[in-house]
PDB file of N, CA and C in Angstrom:
ATOM      1  N   MET A   1       6.789  26.684  29.828  1.00  0.00           N
ATOM      2  CA  MET A   1       6.964  28.159  30.150  1.00  0.00           C
ATOM      3  C   MET A   1       6.581  29.099  28.929  1.00  0.00           C
ATOM      4  N   ALA A   2       5.749  29.880  29.176  1.00  0.00           N
ATOM      5  CA  ALA A   2       5.157  30.738  28.139  1.00  0.00           C
ATOM      6  C   ALA A   2       5.714  32.261  28.440  1.00  0.00           C
ATOM      7  N   ASN A   3       6.415  32.794  27.170  1.00  0.00           N
ATOM      8  CA  ASN A   3       6.894  34.050  27.489  1.00  0.00           C
ATOM      9  C   ASN A   3       5.872  35.053  26.920  1.00  0.00           C
ATOM     10  N   LYS A   4       5.523  36.074  27.779  1.00  0.00           N
ATOM     11  CA  LYS A   4       4.561  37.165  27.432  1.00  0.00           C
ATOM     12  C   LYS A   4       5.201  38.418  27.310  1.00  0.00           C
ATOM     13  N   VAL A   5       4.787  39.259  26.529  1.00  0.00           N
ATOM     14  CA  VAL A   5       5.278  40.595  26.487  1.00  0.00           C
ATOM     15  C   VAL A   5       4.294  41.671  26.897  1.00  0.00           C
ATOM     16  N   TYR A   6       4.659  42.505  27.900  1.00  0.00           N
ATOM     17  CA  TYR A   6       3.768  43.425  28.508  1.00  0.00           C
ATOM     18  C   TYR A   6       4.172  44.808  28.137  1.00  0.00           C
ATOM     19  N   PRO A   7       3.800  45.498  27.188  1.00  0.00           N
ATOM     20  CA  PRO A   7       4.230  46.976  27.049  1.00  0.00           C
ATOM     21  C   PRO A   7       3.852  47.785  28.058  1.00  0.00           C
ATOM     22  N   LEU A   8       4.865  48.588  28.498  1.00  0.00           N
ATOM     23  CA  LEU A   8       4.745  49.534  29.631  1.00  0.00           C
ATOM     24  C   LEU A   8       4.944  50.966  29.253  1.00  0.00           C
ATOM     25  N   SER A   9       4.072  51.865  29.352  1.00  0.00           N
ATOM     26  CA  SER A   9       4.098  53.184  29.070  1.00  0.00           C
ATOM     27  C   SER A   9       4.622  54.058  30.100  1.00  0.00           C
ATOM     28  N   TYR A  10       5.378  54.990  29.706  1.00  0.00           N
ATOM     29  CA  TYR A  10       5.818  55.910  30.833  1.00  0.00           C
ATOM     30  C   TYR A  10       6.000  57.289  30.160  1.00  0.00           C
ATOM     31  N   ASP A  11       6.090  58.282  31.139  1.00  0.00           N
ATOM     32  CA  ASP A  11       6.311  59.725  30.557  1.00  0.00           C
ATOM     33  C   ASP A  11       7.821  60.013  30.736  1.00  0.00           C
ATOM     34  N   ASP A  12       8.331  60.330  29.562  1.00  0.00           N
ATOM     35  CA  ASP A  12       9.860  60.508  29.648  1.00  0.00           C
ATOM     36  C   ASP A  12      10.230  61.802  30.463  1.00  0.00           C
ATOM     37  N   VAL A  13       9.418  62.558  30.759  1.00  0.00           N
ATOM     38  CA  VAL A  13       9.851  63.899  31.642  1.00  0.00           C
ATOM     39  C   VAL A  13       9.480  63.441  33.031  1.00  0.00           C
ATOM     40  N   LEU A  14       8.307  63.156  33.365  1.00  0.00           N
ATOM     41  CA  LEU A  14       7.937  62.773  34.813  1.00  0.00           C
ATOM     42  C   LEU A  14       8.643  61.552  35.356  1.00  0.00           C
ATOM     43  N   ASP A  15       8.820  60.600  34.491  1.00  0.00           N
ATOM     44  CA  ASP A  15       9.635  59.353  34.953  1.00  0.00           C
ATOM     45  C   ASP A  15      11.012  59.390  34.436  1.00  0.00           C
ATOM     46  N   LYS A  16      11.685  60.432  34.416  1.00  0.00           N
ATOM     47  CA  LYS A  16      13.113  60.403  33.977  1.00  0.00           C
ATOM     48  C   LYS A  16      13.928  59.417  34.700  1.00  0.00           C
ATOM     49  N   ASP A  17      13.734  59.482  36.001  1.00  0.00           N
ATOM     50  CA  ASP A  17      14.530  58.516  36.772  1.00  0.00           C
ATOM     51  C   ASP A  17      14.458  57.095  36.537  1.00  0.00           C
ATOM     52  N   ILE A  18      13.175  56.601  36.103  1.00  0.00           N
ATOM     53  CA  ILE A  18      12.885  55.396  35.692  1.00  0.00           C
ATOM     54  C   ILE A  18      13.568  55.008  34.410  1.00  0.00           C
ATOM     55  N   LYS A  19      13.452  56.002  33.444  1.00  0.00           N
ATOM     56  CA  LYS A  19      13.946  55.855  32.089  1.00  0.00           C
ATOM     57  C   LYS A  19      15.467  55.844  32.256  1.00  0.00           C
ATOM     58  N   ASP A  20      16.102  56.621  32.953  1.00  0.00           N
ATOM     59  CA  ASP A  20      17.548  56.479  33.086  1.00  0.00           C
ATOM     60  C   ASP A  20      18.000  55.134  33.725  1.00  0.00           C
ATOM     61  N   TRP A  21      17.308  54.676  34.669  1.00  0.00           N
ATOM     62  CA  TRP A  21      17.570  53.480  35.317  1.00  0.00           C
ATOM     63  C   TRP A  21      17.469  52.259  34.226  1.00  0.00           C
ATOM     64  N   LEU A  22      16.372  52.301  33.476  1.00  0.00           N
ATOM     65  CA  LEU A  22      16.106  51.183  32.591  1.00  0.00           C
ATOM     66  C   LEU A  22      17.254  51.293  31.483  1.00  0.00           C
ATOM     67  N   GLU A  23      17.608  52.464  31.041  1.00  0.00           N
ATOM     68  CA  GLU A  23      18.695  52.611  29.899  1.00  0.00           C
ATOM     69  C   GLU A  23      20.009  52.114  30.479  1.00  0.00           C
ATOM     70  N   SER A  24      20.183  52.210  31.794  1.00  0.00           N
ATOM     71  CA  SER A  24      21.441  51.798  32.251  1.00  0.00           C
ATOM     72  C   SER A  24      21.677  50.296  32.387  1.00  0.00           C
ATOM     73  N   LEU A  25      20.629  49.620  32.366  1.00  0.00           N
ATOM     74  CA  LEU A  25      20.536  48.140  32.462  1.00  0.00           C
ATOM     75  C   LEU A  25      20.963  47.514  31.216  1.00  0.00           C
ATOM     76  N   PRO A  26      21.742  46.579  31.210  1.00  0.00           N
ATOM     77  CA  PRO A  26      21.964  45.648  29.973  1.00  0.00           C
ATOM     78  C   PRO A  26      20.687  45.048  29.380  1.00  0.00           C
ATOM     79  N   ARG A  27      20.506  45.143  28.203  1.00  0.00           N
ATOM     80  CA  ARG A  27      19.390  44.596  27.444  1.00  0.00           C
ATOM     81  C   ARG A  27      18.785  43.392  27.764  1.00  0.00           C
ATOM     82  N   ASN A  28      19.568  42.332  28.152  1.00  0.00           N
ATOM     83  CA  ASN A  28      19.146  41.093  28.569  1.00  0.00           C
ATOM     84  C   ASN A  28      18.662  41.009  30.140  1.00  0.00           C
ATOM     85  N   ARG A  29      18.908  42.182  30.810  1.00  0.00           N
ATOM     86  CA  ARG A  29      18.546  42.187  32.252  1.00  0.00           C
ATOM     87  C   ARG A  29      17.281  43.070  32.645  1.00  0.00           C
ATOM     88  N   LYS A  30      16.912  43.755  31.667  1.00  0.00           N
ATOM     89  CA  LYS A  30      15.741  44.784  31.841  1.00  0.00           C
ATOM     90  C   LYS A  30      14.522  44.117  32.457  1.00  0.00           C
ATOM     91  N   ALA A  31      14.026  43.077  31.741  1.00  0.00           N
ATOM     92  CA  ALA A  31      12.797  42.549  32.135  1.00  0.00           C
ATOM     93  C   ALA A  31      12.944  41.874  33.592  1.00  0.00           C
ATOM     94  N   GLU A  32      14.098  41.119  33.747  1.00  0.00           N
ATOM     95  CA  GLU A  32      14.256  40.534  35.069  1.00  0.00           C
ATOM     96  C   GLU A  32      14.434  41.708  36.101  1.00  0.00           C
ATOM     97  N   MET A  33      14.973  42.753  35.950  1.00  0.00           N
ATOM     98  CA  MET A  33      15.033  43.707  36.882  1.00  0.00           C
ATOM     99  C   MET A  33      13.607  44.361  37.210  1.00  0.00           C
ATOM    100  N   VAL A  34      12.893  44.641  36.162  1.00  0.00           N
ATOM    101  CA  VAL A  34      11.453  45.143  36.360  1.00  0.00           C
ATOM    102  C   VAL A  34      10.739  44.131  37.066  1.00  0.00           C
ATOM    103  N   ARG A  35      10.684  42.920  36.795  1.00  0.00           N
ATOM    104  CA  ARG A  35       9.998  41.854  37.523  1.00  0.00           C
ATOM    105  C   ARG A  35      10.392  41.917  38.952  1.00  0.00           C
ATOM    106  N   THR A  36      11.781  41.812  39.312  1.00  0.00           N
ATOM    107  CA  THR A  36      12.192  41.886  40.623  1.00  0.00           C
ATOM    108  C   THR A  36      11.761  43.266  41.335  1.00  0.00           C
ATOM    109  N   ALA A  37      11.703  44.266  40.687  1.00  0.00           N
ATOM    110  CA  ALA A  37      11.249  45.513  41.393  1.00  0.00           C
ATOM    111  C   ALA A  37       9.761  45.432  41.739  1.00  0.00           C
ATOM    112  N   ILE A  38       8.992  44.797  40.802  1.00  0.00           N
ATOM    113  CA  ILE A  38       7.492  44.663  41.143  1.00  0.00           C
ATOM    114  C   ILE A  38       7.290  43.792  42.221  1.00  0.00           C
ATOM    115  N   ARG A  39       8.092  42.540  42.286  1.00  0.00           N
ATOM    116  CA  ARG A  39       7.819  41.645  43.352  1.00  0.00           C
ATOM    117  C   ARG A  39       8.296  42.265  44.599  1.00  0.00           C
ATOM    118  N   GLN A  40       9.483  43.012  44.682  1.00  0.00           N
ATOM    119  CA  GLN A  40       9.790  43.710  45.927  1.00  0.00           C
ATOM    120  C   GLN A  40       8.771  44.653  46.514  1.00  0.00           C
ATOM    121  N   TYR A  41       8.193  45.392  45.468  1.00  0.00           N
ATOM    122  CA  TYR A  41       7.184  46.390  46.007  1.00  0.00           C
ATOM    123  C   TYR A  41       5.967  45.594  46.448  1.00  0.00           C
ATOM    124  N   MET A  42       5.547  44.455  45.937  1.00  0.00           N
ATOM    125  CA  MET A  42       4.458  43.677  46.371  1.00  0.00           C
ATOM    126  C   MET A  42       4.746  43.045  47.712  1.00  0.00           C
ATOM    127  N   HIS A  43       6.052  42.670  47.937  1.00  0.00           N
ATOM    128  CA  HIS A  43       6.413  42.131  49.254  1.00  0.00           C
ATOM    129  C   HIS A  43       6.455  43.129  50.332  1.00  0.00           C
ATOM    130  N   THR A  44       6.966  44.183  50.026  1.00  0.00           N
ATOM    131  CA  THR A  44       7.055  45.145  51.103  1.00  0.00           C
ATOM    132  C   THR A  44       5.822  45.929  51.438  1.00  0.00           C
ATOM    133  N   SER A  45       4.982  46.108  50.448  1.00  0.00           N
ATOM    134  CA  SER A  45       3.721  46.723  50.719  1.00  0.00           C
ATOM    135  C   SER A  45       2.673  45.906  51.229  1.00  0.00           C
ATOM    136  N   GLY A  46       2.798  44.628  50.997  1.00  0.00           N
ATOM    137  CA  GLY A  46       1.817  43.622  51.483  1.00  0.00           C
ATOM    138  C   GLY A  46       0.576  43.576  50.441  1.00  0.00           C
ATOM    139  N   SER A  47       0.461  44.568  49.658  1.00  0.00           N
ATOM    140  CA  SER A  47      -0.498  44.442  48.453  1.00  0.00           C
ATOM    141  C   SER A  47      -0.274  45.357  47.505  1.00  0.00           C
ATOM    142  N   ILE A  48      -0.870  45.216  46.263  1.00  0.00           N
ATOM    143  CA  ILE A  48      -0.660  46.090  45.225  1.00  0.00           C
ATOM    144  C   ILE A  48      -1.802  47.263  45.364  1.00  0.00           C
ATOM    145  N   ILE A  49      -1.268  48.480  45.380  1.00  0.00           N
ATOM    146  CA  ILE A  49      -2.129  49.579  45.582  1.00  0.00           C
ATOM    147  C   ILE A  49      -2.392  50.163  44.128  1.00  0.00           C
ATOM    148  N   ILE A  50      -3.643  50.144  43.643  1.00  0.00           N
ATOM    149  CA  ILE A  50      -3.948  50.725  42.403  1.00  0.00           C
ATOM    150  C   ILE A  50      -4.809  52.075  42.544  1.00  0.00           C
ATOM    151  N   PRO A  51      -4.103  53.145  42.116  1.00  0.00           N
ATOM    152  CA  PRO A  51      -4.646  54.458  42.319  1.00  0.00           C
ATOM    153  C   PRO A  51      -5.845  54.529  41.659  1.00  0.00           C
ATOM    154  N   PRO A  52      -7.007  55.198  42.183  1.00  0.00           N
ATOM    155  CA  PRO A  52      -8.207  55.356  41.479  1.00  0.00           C
ATOM    156  C   PRO A  52      -8.063  56.223  40.192  1.00  0.00           C
ATOM    157  N   MET A  53      -8.777  55.786  39.150  1.00  0.00           N
ATOM    158  CA  MET A  53      -8.680  56.477  37.749  1.00  0.00           C
ATOM    159  C   MET A  53      -9.938  57.412  37.591  1.00  0.00           C
ATOM    160  N   LYS A  54      -9.809  58.430  37.117  1.00  0.00           N
ATOM    161  CA  LYS A  54     -10.901  59.427  36.701  1.00  0.00           C
ATOM    162  C   LYS A  54     -11.629  58.667  35.587  1.00  0.00           C
ATOM    163  N   GLU A  55     -12.899  58.492  35.781  1.00  0.00           N
ATOM    164  CA  GLU A  55     -13.692  57.846  34.888  1.00  0.00           C
ATOM    165  C   GLU A  55     -14.191  58.943  33.862  1.00  0.00           C
ATOM    166  N   GLU A  56     -14.103  58.691  32.583  1.00  0.00           N
ATOM    167  CA  GLU A  56     -14.559  59.536  31.510  1.00  0.00           C
ATOM    168  C   GLU A  56     -15.997  59.023  30.983  1.00  0.00           C
ATOM    169  N   LYS A  57     -16.971  60.027  30.978  1.00  0.00           N
ATOM    170  CA  LYS A  57     -18.210  59.735  30.443  1.00  0.00           C
ATOM    171  C   LYS A  57     -18.219  59.770  29.081  1.00  0.00           C
ATOM    172  N   VAL A  58     -18.492  58.524  28.346  1.00  0.00           N
ATOM    173  CA  VAL A  58     -18.556  58.637  26.910  1.00  0.00           C
ATOM    174  C   VAL A  58     -19.918  58.537  26.410  1.00  0.00           C
ATOM    175  N   GLU A  59     -20.414  59.504  25.701  1.00  0.00           N
ATOM    176  CA  GLU A  59     -21.728  59.403  25.262  1.00  0.00           C
ATOM    177  C   GLU A  59     -21.743  58.846  23.908  1.00  0.00           C
ATOM    178  N   PRO A  60     -22.716  58.005  23.641  1.00  0.00           N
ATOM    179  CA  PRO A  60     -22.638  57.337  22.243  1.00  0.00           C
ATOM    180  C   PRO A  60     -23.036  58.170  21.127  1.00  0.00           C
ATOM    181  N   LYS A  61     -22.367  58.114  19.989  1.00  0.00           N
ATOM    182  CA  LYS A  61     -22.589  59.041  18.824  1.00  0.00           C
ATOM    183  C   LYS A  61     -24.051  58.837  18.448  1.00  0.00           C
ATOM    184  N   LYS A  62     -24.522  60.109  18.065  1.00  0.00           N
ATOM    185  CA  LYS A  62     -25.841  60.136  17.687  1.00  0.00           C
ATOM    186  C   LYS A  62     -25.763  59.825  16.025  1.00  0.00           C
ATOM    187  N   VAL A  63     -26.458  58.856  15.601  1.00  0.00           N
ATOM    188  CA  VAL A  63     -26.499  58.531  14.289  1.00  0.00           C
ATOM    189  C   VAL A  63     -27.531  59.404  13.598  1.00  0.00           C
ATOM    190  N   GLU A  64     -27.030  60.062  12.376  1.00  0.00           N
ATOM    191  CA  GLU A  64     -27.881  61.004  11.730  1.00  0.00           C
ATOM    192  C   GLU A  64     -28.368  60.185  10.495  1.00  0.00           C
ATOM    193  N   ARG A  65     -29.652  59.998  10.541  1.00  0.00           N
ATOM    194  CA  ARG A  65     -30.215  59.187   9.464  1.00  0.00           C
ATOM    195  C   ARG A  65     -30.811  60.140   8.318  1.00  0.00           C
ATOM    196  N   LYS A  66     -30.489  59.903   7.135  1.00  0.00           N
ATOM    197  CA  LYS A  66     -30.848  60.719   6.079  1.00  0.00           C
ATOM    198  C   LYS A  66     -31.833  60.114   5.215  1.00  0.00           C
ATOM    199  N   ARG A  67     -32.821  60.725   4.865  1.00  0.00           N
ATOM    200  CA  ARG A  67     -33.913  60.172   3.816  1.00  0.00           C
ATOM    201  C   ARG A  67     -33.281  59.873   2.506  1.00  0.00           C
ATOM    202  N   PRO A  68     -33.763  58.763   1.813  1.00  0.00           N
ATOM    203  CA  PRO A  68     -33.211  58.390   0.652  1.00  0.00           C
ATOM    204  C   PRO A  68     -33.625  59.347  -0.459  1.00  0.00           C
ATOM    205  N   LYS A  69     -32.852  59.668  -1.448  1.00  0.00           N
ATOM    206  CA  LYS A  69     -33.223  60.682  -2.536  1.00  0.00           C
ATOM    207  C   LYS A  69     -34.284  59.919  -3.307  1.00  0.00           C
ATOM    208  N   LEU A  70     -35.311  60.826  -3.650  1.00  0.00           N
ATOM    209  CA  LEU A  70     -36.288  60.333  -4.486  1.00  0.00           C
ATOM    210  C   LEU A  70     -36.140  60.915  -6.045  1.00  0.00           C
ATOM    211  N   GLY A  71     -36.677  60.129  -6.771  1.00  0.00           N
ATOM    212  CA  GLY A  71     -36.517  60.389  -8.267  1.00  0.00           C
ATOM    213  C   GLY A  71     -37.430  61.696  -8.526  1.00  0.00           C
ATOM    214  N   ARG A  72     -37.151  62.302  -9.581  1.00  0.00           N
ATOM    215  CA  ARG A  72     -37.902  63.499  -9.913  1.00  0.00           C
ATOM    216  C   ARG A  72     -39.108  63.052 -10.864  1.00  0.00           C
ATOM    217  N   GLY A  73     -40.072  63.865 -10.772  1.00  0.00           N
ATOM    218  CA  GLY A  73     -41.183  63.555 -11.779  1.00  0.00           C
ATOM    219  C   GLY A  73     -42.368  62.862 -11.053  1.00  0.00           C
ATOM    220  N   GLY A  74     -42.249  62.522  -9.799  1.00  0.00           N
ATOM    221  CA  GLY A  74     -43.362  61.945  -9.151  1.00  0.00           C
ATOM    222  C   GLY A  74     -43.247  60.449  -9.155  1.00  0.00           C
ATOM    223  N   ASN A  75     -42.540  59.745 -10.093  1.00  0.00           N
ATOM    224  CA  ASN A  75     -42.609  58.313 -10.215  1.00  0.00           C
ATOM    225  C   ASN A  75     -41.663  57.718  -9.100  1.00  0.00           C
ATOM    226  N   PHE A  76     -42.057  57.166  -8.085  1.00  0.00           N
ATOM    227  CA  PHE A  76     -41.277  56.686  -7.020  1.00  0.00           C
ATOM    228  C   PHE A  76     -40.838  55.179  -7.225  1.00  0.00           C
ATOM    229  N   GLU A  77     -41.191  54.659  -8.349  1.00  0.00           N
ATOM    230  CA  GLU A  77     -40.581  53.296  -8.575  1.00  0.00           C
ATOM    231  C   GLU A  77     -39.164  53.393  -9.120  1.00  0.00           C
ATOM    232  N   LYS A  78     -38.704  52.324  -9.361  1.00  0.00           N
ATOM    233  CA  LYS A  78     -37.159  52.531 -10.067  1.00  0.00           C
ATOM    234  C   LYS A  78     -37.249  53.101 -11.385  1.00  0.00           C
ATOM    235  N   GLU A  79     -36.259  53.821 -11.530  1.00  0.00           N
ATOM    236  CA  GLU A  79     -36.075  54.618 -12.766  1.00  0.00           C
ATOM    237  C   GLU A  79     -35.054  53.906 -13.649  1.00  0.00           C
TER     238      GLU A  79
END
């Protein structure tokens, strides 16, 4: 059996009910209760519904290339 940790983010204002519920559980029962809640949701809904996410268009950074500095005096070889 492999134990894995999955960090779950939430908004402490919008999800205050979830925050309060999680904080009311004993430390050693939180993960079990979250897994049970997810399984219950999967069982009653028949499937997992993933809400569509807004896609952000990420444009690649434009690389600004600079010309190398040239020596003074017209001698372009190593100085």
